[in-house]
């Protein structure tokens, strides 16, 4: 969505294609284009990628043009356009949001998109979100940036790990800045280094070396989904023929 201070400049079609490709748009997606102009991003998302879409623009003349373009493309059953201000738009139904906005508008938009459902994909060209670094970046005539809204994983967590021959208490402290995370852990009270910590949307993964059995050290490979004050997922100990798998569940202890 543009504000009245932001002029409309059409996005090159090859850049539109790259934005939607980078975001992994497919038939299950609902794309909201903020500052939809002549509607080309929404029309392309529907016609080439099978998605549904909504375009939002403050200029009624561009909204009318977008509706006509959707009619000519035969996609009016899955593409809609609204004359509306960005900061009044309901973004909650979006799985993908596309933008071409000036930097000051991007920074104003940032808190709104960070509050969306984890895993929501935001794709922009030319302009970014300042110190929120993109998850991916490409360049097809224009720079194209992709962000995946991260879950709130920061805090102190505890989990009891059912891995014979002994039960282990995992205490995990996670620090977070956007999708960038680091962690410290203790297993049964013993400090354990955390490796390969990664947060993508609501999916958190990391590795902890199990030192509770010094004669049979092995790595714990954690993969889980963050949902509020709970993380649940799969835990694998070891590799190859020595690999064993179970479920794990952590709860936040510093609510």
C-alpha atoms as a PDB file:
ATOM      1  CA  UNK A   1       0.000   0.000   0.000  1.00  0.00           C
ATOM      2  CA  UNK A   2       1.219   3.467  -0.779  1.00  0.00           C
ATOM      3  CA  UNK A   3       0.480   6.548   1.241  1.00  0.00           C
ATOM      4  CA  UNK A   4      -0.366   9.743  -0.596  1.00  0.00           C
ATOM      5  CA  UNK A   5       3.284  10.795  -0.261  1.00  0.00           C
ATOM      6  CA  UNK A   6       4.527   7.759  -2.220  1.00  0.00           C
ATOM      7  CA  UNK A   7       4.301   7.924  -6.018  1.00  0.00           C
ATOM      8  CA  UNK A   8       3.221   4.893  -8.013  1.00  0.00           C
ATOM      9  CA  UNK A   9       5.999   3.234 -10.005  1.00  0.00           C
ATOM     10  CA  UNK A  10       5.190  -0.029 -11.763  1.00  0.00           C
ATOM     11  CA  UNK A  11       7.242  -3.088 -10.843  1.00  0.00           C
ATOM     12  CA  UNK A  12       8.909  -4.749 -13.886  1.00  0.00           C
ATOM     13  CA  UNK A  13       7.161  -8.009 -14.713  1.00  0.00           C
ATOM     14  CA  UNK A  14      10.363 -10.069 -14.392  1.00  0.00           C
ATOM     15  CA  UNK A  15      10.770  -8.630 -10.884  1.00  0.00           C
ATOM     16  CA  UNK A  16       7.155  -9.491 -10.065  1.00  0.00           C
ATOM     17  CA  UNK A  17       7.828 -13.073 -11.141  1.00  0.00           C
ATOM     18  CA  UNK A  18      10.979 -13.216  -9.005  1.00  0.00           C
ATOM     19  CA  UNK A  19       9.228 -11.792  -5.942  1.00  0.00           C
ATOM     20  CA  UNK A  20       6.556 -14.472  -6.083  1.00  0.00           C
ATOM     21  CA  UNK A  21       9.056 -17.228  -6.873  1.00  0.00           C
ATOM     22  CA  UNK A  22      11.299 -16.209  -3.973  1.00  0.00           C
ATOM     23  CA  UNK A  23       8.305 -16.213  -1.615  1.00  0.00           C
ATOM     24  CA  UNK A  24       7.395 -19.732  -2.760  1.00  0.00           C
ATOM     25  CA  UNK A  25       3.842 -18.700  -3.643  1.00  0.00           C
ATOM     26  CA  UNK A  26       1.488 -21.573  -4.437  1.00  0.00           C
ATOM     27  CA  UNK A  27      -2.190 -22.560  -4.548  1.00  0.00           C
ATOM     28  CA  UNK A  28      -2.512 -22.577  -0.753  1.00  0.00           C
ATOM     29  CA  UNK A  29      -1.420 -18.959  -0.401  1.00  0.00           C
ATOM     30  CA  UNK A  30      -3.298 -15.720   0.067  1.00  0.00           C
ATOM     31  CA  UNK A  31      -1.200 -12.818  -1.227  1.00  0.00           C
ATOM     32  CA  UNK A  32      -1.802  -9.229  -0.123  1.00  0.00           C
ATOM     33  CA  UNK A  33      -0.057  -6.596  -2.218  1.00  0.00           C
ATOM     34  CA  UNK A  34       0.364  -3.294  -0.409  1.00  0.00           C
ATOM     35  CA  UNK A  35       0.386  -0.501  -2.969  1.00  0.00           C
ATOM     36  CA  UNK A  36      -1.056  -2.708  -5.691  1.00  0.00           C
ATOM     37  CA  UNK A  37      -1.107  -0.089  -8.474  1.00  0.00           C
ATOM     38  CA  UNK A  38      -2.317  -1.665 -11.683  1.00  0.00           C
ATOM     39  CA  UNK A  39      -2.708  -5.036  -9.933  1.00  0.00           C
ATOM     40  CA  UNK A  40       0.051  -6.887 -11.732  1.00  0.00           C
ATOM     41  CA  UNK A  41       1.450  -8.632  -8.650  1.00  0.00           C
ATOM     42  CA  UNK A  42      -1.942  -9.963  -7.539  1.00  0.00           C
ATOM     43  CA  UNK A  43      -2.925 -10.931 -11.090  1.00  0.00           C
ATOM     44  CA  UNK A  44       0.380 -12.760 -11.560  1.00  0.00           C
ATOM     45  CA  UNK A  45       0.076 -14.522  -8.208  1.00  0.00           C
ATOM     46  CA  UNK A  46      -3.336 -15.835  -9.236  1.00  0.00           C
ATOM     47  CA  UNK A  47      -2.706 -16.586 -12.899  1.00  0.00           C
ATOM     48  CA  UNK A  48       0.837 -18.020 -12.772  1.00  0.00           C
ATOM     49  CA  UNK A  49       1.042 -19.405  -9.231  1.00  0.00           C
ATOM     50  CA  UNK A  50      -2.558 -20.446  -8.502  1.00  0.00           C
ATOM     51  CA  UNK A  51      -2.898 -18.333  -5.351  1.00  0.00           C
ATOM     52  CA  UNK A  52      -5.680 -16.057  -4.206  1.00  0.00           C
ATOM     53  CA  UNK A  53      -4.942 -12.384  -3.722  1.00  0.00           C
ATOM     54  CA  UNK A  54      -5.948  -8.953  -2.529  1.00  0.00           C
ATOM     55  CA  UNK A  55      -4.531  -5.650  -3.717  1.00  0.00           C
ATOM     56  CA  UNK A  56      -4.749  -2.527  -1.560  1.00  0.00           C
ATOM     57  CA  UNK A  57      -4.155   0.964  -2.939  1.00  0.00           C
ATOM     58  CA  UNK A  58      -5.119   4.464  -1.893  1.00  0.00           C
ATOM     59  CA  UNK A  59      -5.719   5.697  -5.476  1.00  0.00           C
ATOM     60  CA  UNK A  60      -9.212   4.792  -6.723  1.00  0.00           C
ATOM     61  CA  UNK A  61      -8.125   5.210 -10.328  1.00  0.00           C
ATOM     62  CA  UNK A  62      -5.415   2.556  -9.919  1.00  0.00           C
ATOM     63  CA  UNK A  63      -7.873   0.282  -8.135  1.00  0.00           C
ATOM     64  CA  UNK A  64     -10.240   0.601 -11.119  1.00  0.00           C
ATOM     65  CA  UNK A  65      -7.379  -0.165 -13.502  1.00  0.00           C
ATOM     66  CA  UNK A  66      -6.365  -3.206 -11.446  1.00  0.00           C
ATOM     67  CA  UNK A  67      -9.924  -4.526 -11.460  1.00  0.00           C
ATOM     68  CA  UNK A  68     -10.046  -4.168 -15.239  1.00  0.00           C
ATOM     69  CA  UNK A  69      -6.710  -5.947 -15.605  1.00  0.00           C
ATOM     70  CA  UNK A  70      -7.976  -8.791 -13.436  1.00  0.00           C
ATOM     71  CA  UNK A  71     -11.116  -9.010 -15.567  1.00  0.00           C
ATOM     72  CA  UNK A  72      -9.084  -9.210 -18.765  1.00  0.00           C
ATOM     73  CA  UNK A  73      -6.863 -11.897 -17.218  1.00  0.00           C
ATOM     74  CA  UNK A  74      -9.929 -13.902 -16.173  1.00  0.00           C
ATOM     75  CA  UNK A  75      -9.008 -14.007 -12.487  1.00  0.00           C
ATOM     76  CA  UNK A  76     -11.716 -11.921 -10.839  1.00  0.00           C
ATOM     77  CA  UNK A  77     -12.949 -14.948  -8.894  1.00  0.00           C
ATOM     78  CA  UNK A  78      -9.654 -15.071  -6.942  1.00  0.00           C
ATOM     79  CA  UNK A  79      -8.341 -11.499  -7.117  1.00  0.00           C
ATOM     80  CA  UNK A  80      -9.858  -8.501  -5.326  1.00  0.00           C
ATOM     81  CA  UNK A  81      -8.782  -4.889  -4.953  1.00  0.00           C
ATOM     82  CA  UNK A  82      -9.609  -2.338  -2.280  1.00  0.00           C
ATOM     83  CA  UNK A  83      -9.239   1.423  -2.113  1.00  0.00           C
ATOM     84  CA  UNK A  84      -7.756   1.689   1.348  1.00  0.00           C
ATOM     85  CA  UNK A  85      -4.897   3.089   3.394  1.00  0.00           C
ATOM     86  CA  UNK A  86      -2.148   0.636   4.323  1.00  0.00           C
ATOM     87  CA  UNK A  87      -2.443   1.171   8.039  1.00  0.00           C
ATOM     88  CA  UNK A  88      -6.173   0.433   7.956  1.00  0.00           C
ATOM     89  CA  UNK A  89      -5.783  -2.836   6.019  1.00  0.00           C
ATOM     90  CA  UNK A  90      -6.417  -6.200   7.699  1.00  0.00           C
ATOM     91  CA  UNK A  91      -3.264  -8.243   7.068  1.00  0.00           C
ATOM     92  CA  UNK A  92      -4.208 -11.210   9.217  1.00  0.00           C
ATOM     93  CA  UNK A  93      -5.394 -13.459   6.400  1.00  0.00           C
ATOM     94  CA  UNK A  94      -2.174 -13.087   4.384  1.00  0.00           C
ATOM     95  CA  UNK A  95       0.324 -15.894   4.045  1.00  0.00           C
ATOM     96  CA  UNK A  96       2.415 -13.670   1.748  1.00  0.00           C
ATOM     97  CA  UNK A  97       2.667  -9.869   1.697  1.00  0.00           C
ATOM     98  CA  UNK A  98       4.305  -8.046  -1.203  1.00  0.00           C
ATOM     99  CA  UNK A  99       5.511  -4.448  -1.094  1.00  0.00           C
ATOM    100  CA  UNK A 100       7.237  -1.725  -3.082  1.00  0.00           C
ATOM    101  CA  UNK A 101       7.394   1.058  -0.509  1.00  0.00           C
ATOM    102  CA  UNK A 102       9.826   3.830   0.351  1.00  0.00           C
ATOM    103  CA  UNK A 103      12.140   3.268   3.355  1.00  0.00           C
ATOM    104  CA  UNK A 104      10.219   5.452   5.823  1.00  0.00           C
ATOM    105  CA  UNK A 105       7.008   3.542   5.052  1.00  0.00           C
ATOM    106  CA  UNK A 106       8.791   0.188   5.366  1.00  0.00           C
ATOM    107  CA  UNK A 107      10.032   1.135   8.835  1.00  0.00           C
ATOM    108  CA  UNK A 108       6.554   2.219   9.868  1.00  0.00           C
ATOM    109  CA  UNK A 109       5.146  -1.061   8.523  1.00  0.00           C
ATOM    110  CA  UNK A 110       7.734  -3.252  10.253  1.00  0.00           C
ATOM    111  CA  UNK A 111       6.016  -3.566  13.665  1.00  0.00           C
ATOM    112  CA  UNK A 112       2.769  -4.596  11.991  1.00  0.00           C
ATOM    113  CA  UNK A 113       4.303  -7.420   9.981  1.00  0.00           C
ATOM    114  CA  UNK A 114       6.421  -8.631  12.908  1.00  0.00           C
ATOM    115  CA  UNK A 115       3.155  -9.087  14.814  1.00  0.00           C
ATOM    116  CA  UNK A 116       1.696 -11.353  12.125  1.00  0.00           C
ATOM    117  CA  UNK A 117       1.490 -15.130  12.364  1.00  0.00           C
ATOM    118  CA  UNK A 118       4.958 -16.721  12.418  1.00  0.00           C
ATOM    119  CA  UNK A 119       5.824 -18.095   9.003  1.00  0.00           C
ATOM    120  CA  UNK A 120       4.122 -15.280   7.102  1.00  0.00           C
ATOM    121  CA  UNK A 121       6.380 -14.315   4.183  1.00  0.00           C
ATOM    122  CA  UNK A 122       7.107 -10.696   3.325  1.00  0.00           C
ATOM    123  CA  UNK A 123       8.709  -9.900  -0.028  1.00  0.00           C
ATOM    124  CA  UNK A 124       9.805  -6.479  -1.226  1.00  0.00           C
ATOM    125  CA  UNK A 125      11.917  -4.999  -3.944  1.00  0.00           C
ATOM    126  CA  UNK A 126      14.368  -2.099  -3.793  1.00  0.00           C
ATOM    127  CA  UNK A 127      13.717  -1.266  -0.127  1.00  0.00           C
ATOM    128  CA  UNK A 128      14.206  -3.232   3.092  1.00  0.00           C
ATOM    129  CA  UNK A 129      13.237  -3.165   6.772  1.00  0.00           C
ATOM    130  CA  UNK A 130      16.368  -1.476   8.099  1.00  0.00           C
ATOM    131  CA  UNK A 131      18.181  -3.584  10.703  1.00  0.00           C
ATOM    132  CA  UNK A 132      15.779  -6.532  10.250  1.00  0.00           C
ATOM    133  CA  UNK A 133      17.952  -8.443   7.838  1.00  0.00           C
ATOM    134  CA  UNK A 134      16.201 -10.472   5.118  1.00  0.00           C
ATOM    135  CA  UNK A 135      16.192 -14.258   5.203  1.00  0.00           C
ATOM    136  CA  UNK A 136      17.052 -14.256   1.504  1.00  0.00           C
ATOM    137  CA  UNK A 137      17.948 -11.735  -1.169  1.00  0.00           C
ATOM    138  CA  UNK A 138      18.122 -12.007  -4.955  1.00  0.00           C
ATOM    139  CA  UNK A 139      18.405  -9.525  -7.784  1.00  0.00           C
ATOM    140  CA  UNK A 140      16.405  -9.780 -11.018  1.00  0.00           C
ATOM    141  CA  UNK A 141      16.643  -6.285 -12.484  1.00  0.00           C
ATOM    142  CA  UNK A 142      15.815  -5.052  -8.974  1.00  0.00           C
ATOM    143  CA  UNK A 143      16.932  -6.211  -5.529  1.00  0.00           C
ATOM    144  CA  UNK A 144      14.324  -8.551  -4.069  1.00  0.00           C
ATOM    145  CA  UNK A 145      14.171  -9.262  -0.323  1.00  0.00           C
ATOM    146  CA  UNK A 146      12.369 -12.039   1.566  1.00  0.00           C
ATOM    147  CA  UNK A 147      11.586 -12.094   5.281  1.00  0.00           C
ATOM    148  CA  UNK A 148       9.818 -14.855   7.202  1.00  0.00           C
ATOM    149  CA  UNK A 149       8.029 -13.597  10.298  1.00  0.00           C
ATOM    150  CA  UNK A 150       9.714 -15.296  13.281  1.00  0.00           C
ATOM    151  CA  UNK A 151       8.059 -16.746  16.333  1.00  0.00           C
ATOM    152  CA  UNK A 152       8.901 -15.299  19.747  1.00  0.00           C
ATOM    153  CA  UNK A 153      11.402 -17.859  21.015  1.00  0.00           C
ATOM    154  CA  UNK A 154      13.407 -15.717  23.452  1.00  0.00           C
ATOM    155  CA  UNK A 155      13.356 -16.693  27.102  1.00  0.00           C
ATOM    156  CA  UNK A 156      14.156 -19.552  29.474  1.00  0.00           C
ATOM    157  CA  UNK A 157      12.790 -23.001  28.683  1.00  0.00           C
ATOM    158  CA  UNK A 158      12.814 -26.396  30.384  1.00  0.00           C
ATOM    159  CA  UNK A 159      12.289 -29.883  28.977  1.00  0.00           C
ATOM    160  CA  UNK A 160      12.554 -33.392  30.399  1.00  0.00           C
ATOM    161  CA  UNK A 161      14.145 -35.641  27.803  1.00  0.00           C
ATOM    162  CA  UNK A 162      13.114 -39.285  27.790  1.00  0.00           C
ATOM    163  CA  UNK A 163      16.352 -40.769  26.482  1.00  0.00           C
ATOM    164  CA  UNK A 164      17.487 -44.007  28.239  1.00  0.00           C
ATOM    165  CA  UNK A 165      19.391 -44.896  30.276  1.00  0.00           C
ATOM    166  CA  UNK A 166      18.645 -41.734  32.271  1.00  0.00           C
ATOM    167  CA  UNK A 167      16.175 -38.902  32.164  1.00  0.00           C
ATOM    168  CA  UNK A 168      17.762 -35.558  31.371  1.00  0.00           C
ATOM    169  CA  UNK A 169      16.609 -32.096  32.335  1.00  0.00           C
ATOM    170  CA  UNK A 170      17.321 -29.566  29.601  1.00  0.00           C
ATOM    171  CA  UNK A 171      17.462 -25.922  30.632  1.00  0.00           C
ATOM    172  CA  UNK A 172      17.663 -23.653  27.617  1.00  0.00           C
ATOM    173  CA  UNK A 173      18.101 -19.891  27.473  1.00  0.00           C
ATOM    174  CA  UNK A 174      17.432 -18.298  24.094  1.00  0.00           C
ATOM    175  CA  UNK A 175      18.307 -14.773  23.041  1.00  0.00           C
ATOM    176  CA  UNK A 176      16.658 -13.376  19.916  1.00  0.00           C
ATOM    177  CA  UNK A 177      16.874 -10.419  17.566  1.00  0.00           C
ATOM    178  CA  UNK A 178      14.292 -10.842  14.829  1.00  0.00           C
ATOM    179  CA  UNK A 179      14.990 -14.326  13.346  1.00  0.00           C
ATOM    180  CA  UNK A 180      18.582 -14.404  14.620  1.00  0.00           C
ATOM    181  CA  UNK A 181      18.866 -16.559  17.747  1.00  0.00           C
ATOM    182  CA  UNK A 182      21.575 -17.802  20.078  1.00  0.00           C
ATOM    183  CA  UNK A 183      21.254 -20.169  23.014  1.00  0.00           C
ATOM    184  CA  UNK A 184      22.929 -21.554  26.131  1.00  0.00           C
ATOM    185  CA  UNK A 185      21.977 -24.893  27.662  1.00  0.00           C
ATOM    186  CA  UNK A 186      22.427 -27.052  30.724  1.00  0.00           C
ATOM    187  CA  UNK A 187      21.835 -30.815  30.807  1.00  0.00           C
ATOM    188  CA  UNK A 188      21.205 -32.085  34.325  1.00  0.00           C
ATOM    189  CA  UNK A 189      22.834 -28.922  35.588  1.00  0.00           C
ATOM    190  CA  UNK A 190      25.976 -29.254  33.468  1.00  0.00           C
ATOM    191  CA  UNK A 191      26.669 -26.437  30.970  1.00  0.00           C
ATOM    192  CA  UNK A 192      26.428 -27.695  27.386  1.00  0.00           C
ATOM    193  CA  UNK A 193      27.311 -25.769  24.263  1.00  0.00           C
ATOM    194  CA  UNK A 194      24.539 -25.177  21.712  1.00  0.00           C
ATOM    195  CA  UNK A 195      25.339 -25.421  18.015  1.00  0.00           C
ATOM    196  CA  UNK A 196      23.562 -24.624  14.746  1.00  0.00           C
ATOM    197  CA  UNK A 197      20.725 -22.627  16.327  1.00  0.00           C
ATOM    198  CA  UNK A 198      18.216 -21.626  13.655  1.00  0.00           C
ATOM    199  CA  UNK A 199      14.742 -20.063  13.675  1.00  0.00           C
ATOM    200  CA  UNK A 200      12.621 -20.023  10.507  1.00  0.00           C
ATOM    201  CA  UNK A 201       9.089 -18.842  11.151  1.00  0.00           C
ATOM    202  CA  UNK A 202       7.928 -20.993  14.054  1.00  0.00           C
ATOM    203  CA  UNK A 203      10.464 -23.783  13.428  1.00  0.00           C
ATOM    204  CA  UNK A 204      13.389 -23.881  15.847  1.00  0.00           C
ATOM    205  CA  UNK A 205      16.335 -26.246  15.484  1.00  0.00           C
ATOM    206  CA  UNK A 206      19.591 -26.625  17.392  1.00  0.00           C
ATOM    207  CA  UNK A 207      22.179 -29.198  18.468  1.00  0.00           C
ATOM    208  CA  UNK A 208      23.407 -29.939  22.003  1.00  0.00           C
ATOM    209  CA  UNK A 209      26.242 -32.357  22.801  1.00  0.00           C
ATOM    210  CA  UNK A 210      25.065 -34.843  25.429  1.00  0.00           C
ATOM    211  CA  UNK A 211      27.869 -35.017  28.004  1.00  0.00           C
ATOM    212  CA  UNK A 212      25.884 -36.824  30.722  1.00  0.00           C
ATOM    213  CA  UNK A 213      27.518 -40.113  29.653  1.00  0.00           C
ATOM    214  CA  UNK A 214      31.187 -39.285  29.086  1.00  0.00           C
ATOM    215  CA  UNK A 215      31.939 -42.720  27.608  1.00  0.00           C
ATOM    216  CA  UNK A 216      29.144 -42.426  25.022  1.00  0.00           C
ATOM    217  CA  UNK A 217      28.938 -38.776  24.060  1.00  0.00           C
ATOM    218  CA  UNK A 218      26.582 -37.990  21.199  1.00  0.00           C
ATOM    219  CA  UNK A 219      24.752 -35.034  19.763  1.00  0.00           C
ATOM    220  CA  UNK A 220      21.117 -34.243  20.463  1.00  0.00           C
ATOM    221  CA  UNK A 221      19.432 -32.873  17.330  1.00  0.00           C
ATOM    222  CA  UNK A 222      16.384 -30.815  18.267  1.00  0.00           C
ATOM    223  CA  UNK A 223      13.683 -29.740  15.841  1.00  0.00           C
ATOM    224  CA  UNK A 224      10.505 -28.143  17.120  1.00  0.00           C
ATOM    225  CA  UNK A 225       7.652 -25.765  16.561  1.00  0.00           C
ATOM    226  CA  UNK A 226       7.296 -22.713  18.808  1.00  0.00           C
ATOM    227  CA  UNK A 227       3.713 -22.035  19.881  1.00  0.00           C
ATOM    228  CA  UNK A 228       3.334 -19.476  22.632  1.00  0.00           C
ATOM    229  CA  UNK A 229       4.900 -20.843  25.809  1.00  0.00           C
ATOM    230  CA  UNK A 230       5.510 -24.327  24.379  1.00  0.00           C
ATOM    231  CA  UNK A 231       8.003 -25.856  21.954  1.00  0.00           C
ATOM    232  CA  UNK A 232       7.225 -29.357  20.673  1.00  0.00           C
ATOM    233  CA  UNK A 233       8.920 -31.523  18.105  1.00  0.00           C
ATOM    234  CA  UNK A 234      11.315 -34.350  17.357  1.00  0.00           C
ATOM    235  CA  UNK A 235      14.574 -35.138  19.144  1.00  0.00           C
ATOM    236  CA  UNK A 236      17.231 -37.413  17.652  1.00  0.00           C
ATOM    237  CA  UNK A 237      20.268 -38.665  19.564  1.00  0.00           C
ATOM    238  CA  UNK A 238      23.288 -39.760  17.562  1.00  0.00           C
ATOM    239  CA  UNK A 239      23.612 -40.571  13.879  1.00  0.00           C
ATOM    240  CA  UNK A 240      23.501 -43.545  11.540  1.00  0.00           C
ATOM    241  CA  UNK A 241      22.950 -46.952  13.144  1.00  0.00           C
ATOM    242  CA  UNK A 242      23.271 -45.374  16.581  1.00  0.00           C
ATOM    243  CA  UNK A 243      20.462 -42.896  16.008  1.00  0.00           C
ATOM    244  CA  UNK A 244      17.394 -42.960  18.258  1.00  0.00           C
ATOM    245  CA  UNK A 245      14.384 -40.663  18.003  1.00  0.00           C
ATOM    246  CA  UNK A 246      11.753 -39.475  20.440  1.00  0.00           C
ATOM    247  CA  UNK A 247       9.444 -36.516  21.003  1.00  0.00           C
ATOM    248  CA  UNK A 248      10.363 -33.526  23.155  1.00  0.00           C
ATOM    249  CA  UNK A 249       8.394 -30.730  24.732  1.00  0.00           C
ATOM    250  CA  UNK A 250       9.731 -27.590  26.405  1.00  0.00           C
ATOM    251  CA  UNK A 251       7.790 -25.030  28.403  1.00  0.00           C
ATOM    252  CA  UNK A 252       8.745 -21.425  29.077  1.00  0.00           C
ATOM    253  CA  UNK A 253       9.599 -20.829  32.692  1.00  0.00           C
ATOM    254  CA  UNK A 254       9.923 -17.027  32.767  1.00  0.00           C
ATOM    255  CA  UNK A 255       6.403 -15.995  31.776  1.00  0.00           C
END
